């Protein structure tokens, strides 16, 4: 495998994450770590494309979603927003 991937939170994603309870925050952070450190899958394979919002993709964490995009050149997963699946998509457009 190539170089290690990393992830970074935008200020918007950090605000969304901060609004959640501690257990949910930890589940989301663990998922972000899992995605960038999986030795068998490429990080973009974990997310689904967002219709009409390229290059953003949706990463599922239970009832929550992280809206992410992948920078292959720099091996960086950028987290644009975090929130509940019922509202995150409306918020993101």
N, C-alpha and C. Protein backbone atom coordinates (compact mmCIF):
# COMPACT_ATOMS: atom_id res chain seq x y z
N UNK A 1 0.84 -1.19 0.00
CA UNK A 1 0.00 0.00 0.00
C UNK A 1 0.88 1.25 0.00
N UNK A 2 0.26 2.35 -0.40
CA UNK A 2 1.01 3.60 -0.48
C UNK A 2 1.14 4.26 0.88
N UNK A 3 1.30 5.55 0.81
CA UNK A 3 1.46 6.34 2.01
C UNK A 3 0.17 6.33 2.83
N UNK A 4 0.30 6.64 4.08
CA UNK A 4 -0.83 6.67 4.99
C UNK A 4 -1.74 7.88 4.69
N UNK A 5 -3.04 7.65 4.74
CA UNK A 5 -4.01 8.72 4.58
C UNK A 5 -4.22 9.40 5.93
N UNK A 6 -4.73 10.62 5.90
CA UNK A 6 -5.08 11.36 7.11
C UNK A 6 -6.43 12.02 6.88
N UNK A 7 -7.06 12.50 7.94
CA UNK A 7 -8.31 13.23 7.77
C UNK A 7 -8.22 14.55 8.51
N UNK A 8 -9.02 15.53 8.05
CA UNK A 8 -9.07 16.82 8.73
C UNK A 8 -10.50 17.32 8.75
N UNK A 9 -10.86 17.96 9.85
CA UNK A 9 -12.20 18.52 10.02
C UNK A 9 -12.22 19.98 9.60
N UNK A 10 -13.24 20.38 8.85
CA UNK A 10 -13.44 21.80 8.60
C UNK A 10 -14.03 22.39 9.88
N UNK A 11 -14.05 23.71 9.99
CA UNK A 11 -14.62 24.32 11.19
C UNK A 11 -16.11 23.99 11.28
N UNK A 12 -16.77 23.90 10.13
CA UNK A 12 -18.19 23.53 10.11
C UNK A 12 -18.40 22.11 10.64
N UNK A 13 -17.54 21.19 10.22
CA UNK A 13 -17.65 19.80 10.69
C UNK A 13 -17.35 19.73 12.19
N UNK A 14 -16.37 20.51 12.64
CA UNK A 14 -16.02 20.52 14.07
C UNK A 14 -17.20 21.04 14.90
N UNK A 15 -17.89 22.06 14.39
CA UNK A 15 -19.07 22.59 15.08
C UNK A 15 -20.17 21.54 15.15
N UNK A 16 -20.39 20.84 14.02
CA UNK A 16 -21.42 19.80 13.98
C UNK A 16 -21.09 18.67 14.94
N UNK A 17 -19.83 18.29 14.96
CA UNK A 17 -19.39 17.23 15.86
C UNK A 17 -19.54 17.66 17.32
N UNK A 18 -19.18 18.90 17.59
CA UNK A 18 -19.26 19.42 18.95
C UNK A 18 -20.68 19.47 19.50
N UNK A 19 -21.66 19.52 18.60
CA UNK A 19 -23.06 19.59 19.03
C UNK A 19 -23.62 18.21 19.42
N UNK A 20 -22.86 17.16 19.16
CA UNK A 20 -23.33 15.80 19.44
C UNK A 20 -22.88 15.32 20.82
N UNK A 21 -23.54 14.29 21.32
CA UNK A 21 -23.12 13.75 22.62
C UNK A 21 -21.76 13.05 22.48
N UNK A 22 -21.10 12.90 23.61
CA UNK A 22 -19.72 12.38 23.62
C UNK A 22 -19.61 10.99 22.98
N UNK A 23 -20.57 10.13 23.23
CA UNK A 23 -20.51 8.77 22.66
C UNK A 23 -20.60 8.80 21.14
N UNK A 24 -21.51 9.61 20.62
CA UNK A 24 -21.67 9.74 19.16
C UNK A 24 -20.42 10.38 18.55
N UNK A 25 -19.88 11.38 19.23
CA UNK A 25 -18.64 12.01 18.74
C UNK A 25 -17.55 10.96 18.60
N UNK A 26 -17.39 10.12 19.61
CA UNK A 26 -16.33 9.12 19.60
C UNK A 26 -16.55 8.11 18.48
N UNK A 27 -17.81 7.70 18.25
CA UNK A 27 -18.11 6.75 17.17
C UNK A 27 -17.72 7.35 15.82
N UNK A 28 -18.00 8.63 15.63
CA UNK A 28 -17.67 9.28 14.36
C UNK A 28 -16.16 9.40 14.20
N UNK A 29 -15.46 9.81 15.26
CA UNK A 29 -14.00 9.93 15.19
C UNK A 29 -13.35 8.57 14.93
N UNK A 30 -13.88 7.52 15.58
CA UNK A 30 -13.35 6.17 15.35
C UNK A 30 -13.54 5.76 13.90
N UNK A 31 -14.70 6.09 13.32
CA UNK A 31 -14.98 5.75 11.93
C UNK A 31 -14.01 6.48 11.00
N UNK A 32 -13.77 7.76 11.26
CA UNK A 32 -12.83 8.52 10.42
C UNK A 32 -11.44 7.87 10.49
N UNK A 33 -11.02 7.48 11.69
CA UNK A 33 -9.73 6.81 11.85
C UNK A 33 -9.70 5.48 11.09
N UNK A 34 -10.79 4.71 11.20
CA UNK A 34 -10.87 3.42 10.52
C UNK A 34 -10.75 3.58 9.01
N UNK A 35 -11.44 4.57 8.47
CA UNK A 35 -11.43 4.79 7.02
C UNK A 35 -10.03 5.09 6.51
N UNK A 36 -9.30 5.97 7.19
CA UNK A 36 -7.97 6.34 6.69
C UNK A 36 -6.88 5.32 7.02
N UNK A 37 -7.18 4.37 7.92
CA UNK A 37 -6.13 3.42 8.30
C UNK A 37 -6.38 1.99 7.82
N UNK A 38 -7.50 1.74 7.14
CA UNK A 38 -7.80 0.38 6.68
C UNK A 38 -6.77 -0.07 5.66
N UNK A 39 -6.13 -1.21 5.92
CA UNK A 39 -5.08 -1.64 5.00
C UNK A 39 -5.60 -2.40 3.79
N UNK A 40 -6.88 -2.73 3.78
CA UNK A 40 -7.43 -3.52 2.68
C UNK A 40 -8.32 -2.75 1.72
N UNK A 41 -8.79 -1.58 2.14
CA UNK A 41 -9.68 -0.79 1.29
C UNK A 41 -9.16 0.63 1.14
N UNK A 42 -9.34 1.18 -0.04
CA UNK A 42 -8.99 2.56 -0.31
C UNK A 42 -10.02 3.45 0.39
N UNK A 43 -9.60 4.52 1.09
CA UNK A 43 -10.57 5.35 1.81
C UNK A 43 -11.81 5.76 1.00
N UNK A 44 -11.68 6.16 -0.27
CA UNK A 44 -12.89 6.54 -1.02
C UNK A 44 -13.90 5.40 -1.18
N UNK A 45 -13.47 4.16 -1.01
CA UNK A 45 -14.39 3.03 -1.14
C UNK A 45 -15.42 2.97 0.00
N UNK A 46 -15.19 3.70 1.07
CA UNK A 46 -16.10 3.68 2.22
C UNK A 46 -17.29 4.61 2.05
N UNK A 47 -17.18 5.59 1.15
CA UNK A 47 -18.20 6.63 1.04
C UNK A 47 -19.02 6.48 -0.23
N UNK A 48 -20.22 7.07 -0.19
CA UNK A 48 -21.10 7.07 -1.36
C UNK A 48 -21.15 8.47 -1.94
N UNK A 49 -21.13 8.59 -3.27
CA UNK A 49 -21.19 9.93 -3.88
C UNK A 49 -22.49 10.65 -3.50
N UNK A 50 -22.40 11.95 -3.33
CA UNK A 50 -23.58 12.77 -3.04
C UNK A 50 -24.12 13.29 -4.36
N UNK A 51 -25.36 13.00 -4.63
CA UNK A 51 -25.99 13.44 -5.88
C UNK A 51 -26.00 14.96 -5.95
N UNK A 52 -25.48 15.49 -7.04
CA UNK A 52 -25.50 16.92 -7.25
C UNK A 52 -24.56 17.72 -6.38
N UNK A 53 -23.65 17.07 -5.69
CA UNK A 53 -22.74 17.81 -4.81
C UNK A 53 -21.31 17.31 -4.94
N UNK A 54 -20.91 16.94 -6.16
CA UNK A 54 -19.54 16.46 -6.36
C UNK A 54 -18.57 17.54 -5.97
N UNK A 55 -17.42 17.24 -5.41
CA UNK A 55 -16.84 15.92 -5.18
C UNK A 55 -17.18 15.34 -3.81
N UNK A 56 -18.15 15.92 -3.12
CA UNK A 56 -18.50 15.47 -1.77
C UNK A 56 -19.16 14.11 -1.77
N UNK A 57 -18.90 13.35 -0.73
CA UNK A 57 -19.46 12.02 -0.56
C UNK A 57 -19.97 11.86 0.86
N UNK A 58 -20.84 10.88 1.05
CA UNK A 58 -21.44 10.64 2.35
C UNK A 58 -20.83 9.41 3.00
N UNK A 59 -20.44 9.56 4.25
CA UNK A 59 -19.86 8.46 5.02
C UNK A 59 -20.83 8.15 6.16
N UNK A 60 -21.35 6.93 6.19
CA UNK A 60 -22.38 6.55 7.16
C UNK A 60 -21.76 6.11 8.48
N UNK A 61 -22.31 6.65 9.57
CA UNK A 61 -21.91 6.24 10.92
C UNK A 61 -23.22 6.11 11.71
N UNK A 62 -23.85 4.94 11.63
CA UNK A 62 -25.15 4.76 12.26
C UNK A 62 -26.17 5.70 11.65
N UNK A 63 -26.84 6.50 12.50
CA UNK A 63 -27.83 7.47 12.02
C UNK A 63 -27.21 8.80 11.65
N UNK A 64 -25.89 8.88 11.72
CA UNK A 64 -25.18 10.13 11.43
C UNK A 64 -24.40 10.00 10.13
N UNK A 65 -24.07 11.15 9.56
CA UNK A 65 -23.30 11.17 8.33
C UNK A 65 -22.18 12.18 8.45
N UNK A 66 -21.05 11.82 7.86
CA UNK A 66 -19.95 12.77 7.68
C UNK A 66 -19.90 13.03 6.18
N UNK A 67 -19.93 14.28 5.79
CA UNK A 67 -19.83 14.64 4.39
C UNK A 67 -18.35 14.89 4.12
N UNK A 68 -17.78 14.07 3.25
CA UNK A 68 -16.33 14.07 3.05
C UNK A 68 -15.96 14.19 1.58
N UNK A 69 -14.72 14.58 1.35
CA UNK A 69 -14.16 14.51 -0.01
C UNK A 69 -12.73 14.03 0.13
N UNK A 70 -12.24 13.45 -0.94
CA UNK A 70 -10.93 12.81 -0.90
C UNK A 70 -9.95 13.51 -1.83
N UNK A 71 -8.80 13.81 -1.30
CA UNK A 71 -7.72 14.41 -2.06
C UNK A 71 -6.66 13.32 -2.22
N UNK A 72 -6.74 12.60 -3.34
CA UNK A 72 -5.82 11.47 -3.55
C UNK A 72 -4.37 11.91 -3.59
N UNK A 73 -4.11 13.05 -4.21
CA UNK A 73 -2.74 13.51 -4.37
C UNK A 73 -2.06 13.68 -3.00
N UNK A 74 -2.78 14.27 -2.07
CA UNK A 74 -2.22 14.51 -0.73
C UNK A 74 -2.65 13.48 0.29
N UNK A 75 -3.40 12.46 -0.16
CA UNK A 75 -3.90 11.39 0.71
C UNK A 75 -4.60 11.96 1.94
N UNK A 76 -5.54 12.85 1.66
CA UNK A 76 -6.24 13.55 2.72
C UNK A 76 -7.75 13.37 2.53
N UNK A 77 -8.44 13.01 3.61
CA UNK A 77 -9.91 12.98 3.61
C UNK A 77 -10.36 14.24 4.34
N UNK A 78 -11.05 15.11 3.62
CA UNK A 78 -11.52 16.36 4.20
C UNK A 78 -12.97 16.18 4.63
N UNK A 79 -13.26 16.49 5.88
CA UNK A 79 -14.61 16.35 6.42
C UNK A 79 -15.25 17.74 6.40
N UNK A 80 -16.28 17.88 5.57
CA UNK A 80 -16.92 19.19 5.38
C UNK A 80 -18.04 19.45 6.35
N UNK A 81 -18.72 18.40 6.80
CA UNK A 81 -19.85 18.57 7.72
C UNK A 81 -20.13 17.25 8.41
N UNK A 82 -20.71 17.33 9.60
CA UNK A 82 -21.11 16.15 10.37
C UNK A 82 -22.48 16.45 10.95
N UNK A 83 -23.39 15.47 10.86
CA UNK A 83 -24.71 15.68 11.46
C UNK A 83 -25.61 14.48 11.29
N UNK A 84 -26.84 14.62 11.80
CA UNK A 84 -27.82 13.53 11.72
C UNK A 84 -28.29 13.38 10.28
N UNK A 85 -28.56 12.15 9.89
CA UNK A 85 -28.94 11.89 8.49
C UNK A 85 -30.22 12.59 8.09
N UNK A 86 -31.08 12.92 9.05
CA UNK A 86 -32.35 13.57 8.71
C UNK A 86 -32.18 15.01 8.24
N UNK A 87 -31.05 15.64 8.61
CA UNK A 87 -30.89 17.06 8.26
C UNK A 87 -29.59 17.40 7.55
N UNK A 88 -28.61 16.54 7.60
CA UNK A 88 -27.29 16.88 7.08
C UNK A 88 -27.30 17.23 5.59
N UNK A 89 -28.12 16.51 4.82
CA UNK A 89 -28.11 16.76 3.37
C UNK A 89 -28.71 18.11 3.03
N UNK A 90 -29.78 18.51 3.73
CA UNK A 90 -30.40 19.82 3.49
C UNK A 90 -29.42 20.92 3.84
N UNK A 91 -28.75 20.72 4.97
CA UNK A 91 -27.79 21.68 5.47
C UNK A 91 -26.63 21.87 4.51
N UNK A 92 -26.25 20.81 3.84
CA UNK A 92 -25.02 20.83 3.07
C UNK A 92 -25.17 21.49 1.70
N UNK A 93 -26.37 21.56 1.19
CA UNK A 93 -26.54 22.13 -0.16
C UNK A 93 -26.52 23.63 -0.16
